[in-house]
Amino acid sequence: MEKKIDAMKMVRRIRDSHHEKLKDKSTEERLKFFREKSRALRREANASKKDQEAG
């Protein structure tokens, strides 16, 4: 059986989660949050790329 991704539901869940975490934060704190998320995603992508190249 094929699993389907409900993209709208996923986006809303992520957006709602970010809103709850950031609603009382300053602009600087919000920028820091997203910069850290971006760094983590880039590290993960680079690690995945290295794994694919090695395998």
C-alpha atoms as a PDB file:
ATOM      1  CA  MET A   1       0.000   0.000   0.000  1.00  0.00           C
ATOM      2  CA  GLU A   2       1.371   3.389  -0.993  1.00  0.00           C
ATOM      3  CA  LYS A   3       1.654   6.084   1.672  1.00  0.00           C
ATOM      4  CA  LYS A   4       0.662   9.577   0.694  1.00  0.00           C
ATOM      5  CA  ILE A   5       1.973  12.754   2.237  1.00  0.00           C
ATOM      6  CA  ASP A   6      -0.572  15.395   3.180  1.00  0.00           C
ATOM      7  CA  ALA A   7       1.609  18.407   2.408  1.00  0.00           C
ATOM      8  CA  MET A   8      -0.905  20.989   3.592  1.00  0.00           C
ATOM      9  CA  LYS A   9      -1.311  19.249   6.933  1.00  0.00           C
ATOM     10  CA  MET A  10       2.472  18.994   7.329  1.00  0.00           C
ATOM     11  CA  VAL A  11       3.012  22.686   6.494  1.00  0.00           C
ATOM     12  CA  ARG A  12       0.309  23.770   8.934  1.00  0.00           C
ATOM     13  CA  ARG A  13       1.750  21.565  11.690  1.00  0.00           C
ATOM     14  CA  ILE A  14       5.244  23.005  11.188  1.00  0.00           C
ATOM     15  CA  ARG A  15       3.969  26.580  10.928  1.00  0.00           C
ATOM     16  CA  ASP A  16       1.830  26.206  14.066  1.00  0.00           C
ATOM     17  CA  SER A  17       4.759  24.707  15.950  1.00  0.00           C
ATOM     18  CA  HIS A  18       7.062  27.556  14.928  1.00  0.00           C
ATOM     19  CA  HIS A  19       4.410  30.095  15.892  1.00  0.00           C
ATOM     20  CA  GLU A  20       4.107  28.626  19.383  1.00  0.00           C
ATOM     21  CA  LYS A  21       7.877  28.583  19.865  1.00  0.00           C
ATOM     22  CA  LEU A  22       8.401  32.114  18.543  1.00  0.00           C
ATOM     23  CA  LYS A  23       5.287  34.092  19.492  1.00  0.00           C
ATOM     24  CA  ASP A  24       6.925  35.856  22.444  1.00  0.00           C
ATOM     25  CA  LYS A  25      10.413  36.167  20.944  1.00  0.00           C
ATOM     26  CA  SER A  26      12.176  39.256  19.650  1.00  0.00           C
ATOM     27  CA  THR A  27      13.119  39.700  16.004  1.00  0.00           C
ATOM     28  CA  GLU A  28      16.710  38.813  16.830  1.00  0.00           C
ATOM     29  CA  GLU A  29      15.629  35.621  18.606  1.00  0.00           C
ATOM     30  CA  ARG A  30      13.431  34.659  15.646  1.00  0.00           C
ATOM     31  CA  LEU A  31      16.303  35.200  13.220  1.00  0.00           C
ATOM     32  CA  LYS A  32      18.580  33.090  15.415  1.00  0.00           C
ATOM     33  CA  PHE A  33      15.982  30.285  15.463  1.00  0.00           C
ATOM     34  CA  PHE A  34      15.708  30.153  11.669  1.00  0.00           C
ATOM     35  CA  ARG A  35      19.445  30.503  11.129  1.00  0.00           C
ATOM     36  CA  GLU A  36      20.075  27.559  13.446  1.00  0.00           C
ATOM     37  CA  LYS A  37      17.432  25.501  11.622  1.00  0.00           C
ATOM     38  CA  SER A  38      19.060  26.407   8.314  1.00  0.00           C
ATOM     39  CA  ARG A  39      22.530  25.398   9.535  1.00  0.00           C
ATOM     40  CA  ALA A  40      21.226  22.054  10.782  1.00  0.00           C
ATOM     41  CA  LEU A  41      19.500  21.363   7.467  1.00  0.00           C
ATOM     42  CA  ARG A  42      22.660  22.206   5.509  1.00  0.00           C
ATOM     43  CA  ARG A  43      24.748  19.915   7.742  1.00  0.00           C
ATOM     44  CA  GLU A  44      22.234  17.116   7.222  1.00  0.00           C
ATOM     45  CA  ALA A  45      22.230  17.640   3.435  1.00  0.00           C
ATOM     46  CA  ASN A  46      26.027  17.644   3.322  1.00  0.00           C
ATOM     47  CA  ALA A  47      26.221  14.464   5.393  1.00  0.00           C
ATOM     48  CA  SER A  48      23.696  12.784   3.115  1.00  0.00           C
ATOM     49  CA  LYS A  49      25.644  13.871   0.036  1.00  0.00           C
ATOM     50  CA  LYS A  50      28.877  12.452   1.484  1.00  0.00           C
ATOM     51  CA  ASP A  51      27.106   9.155   2.289  1.00  0.00           C
ATOM     52  CA  GLN A  52      25.842   8.900  -1.294  1.00  0.00           C
ATOM     53  CA  GLU A  53      29.284   9.636  -2.702  1.00  0.00           C
ATOM     54  CA  ALA A  54      30.912   7.041  -0.433  1.00  0.00           C
ATOM     55  CA  GLY A  55      28.341   4.333  -1.144  1.00  0.00           C
END
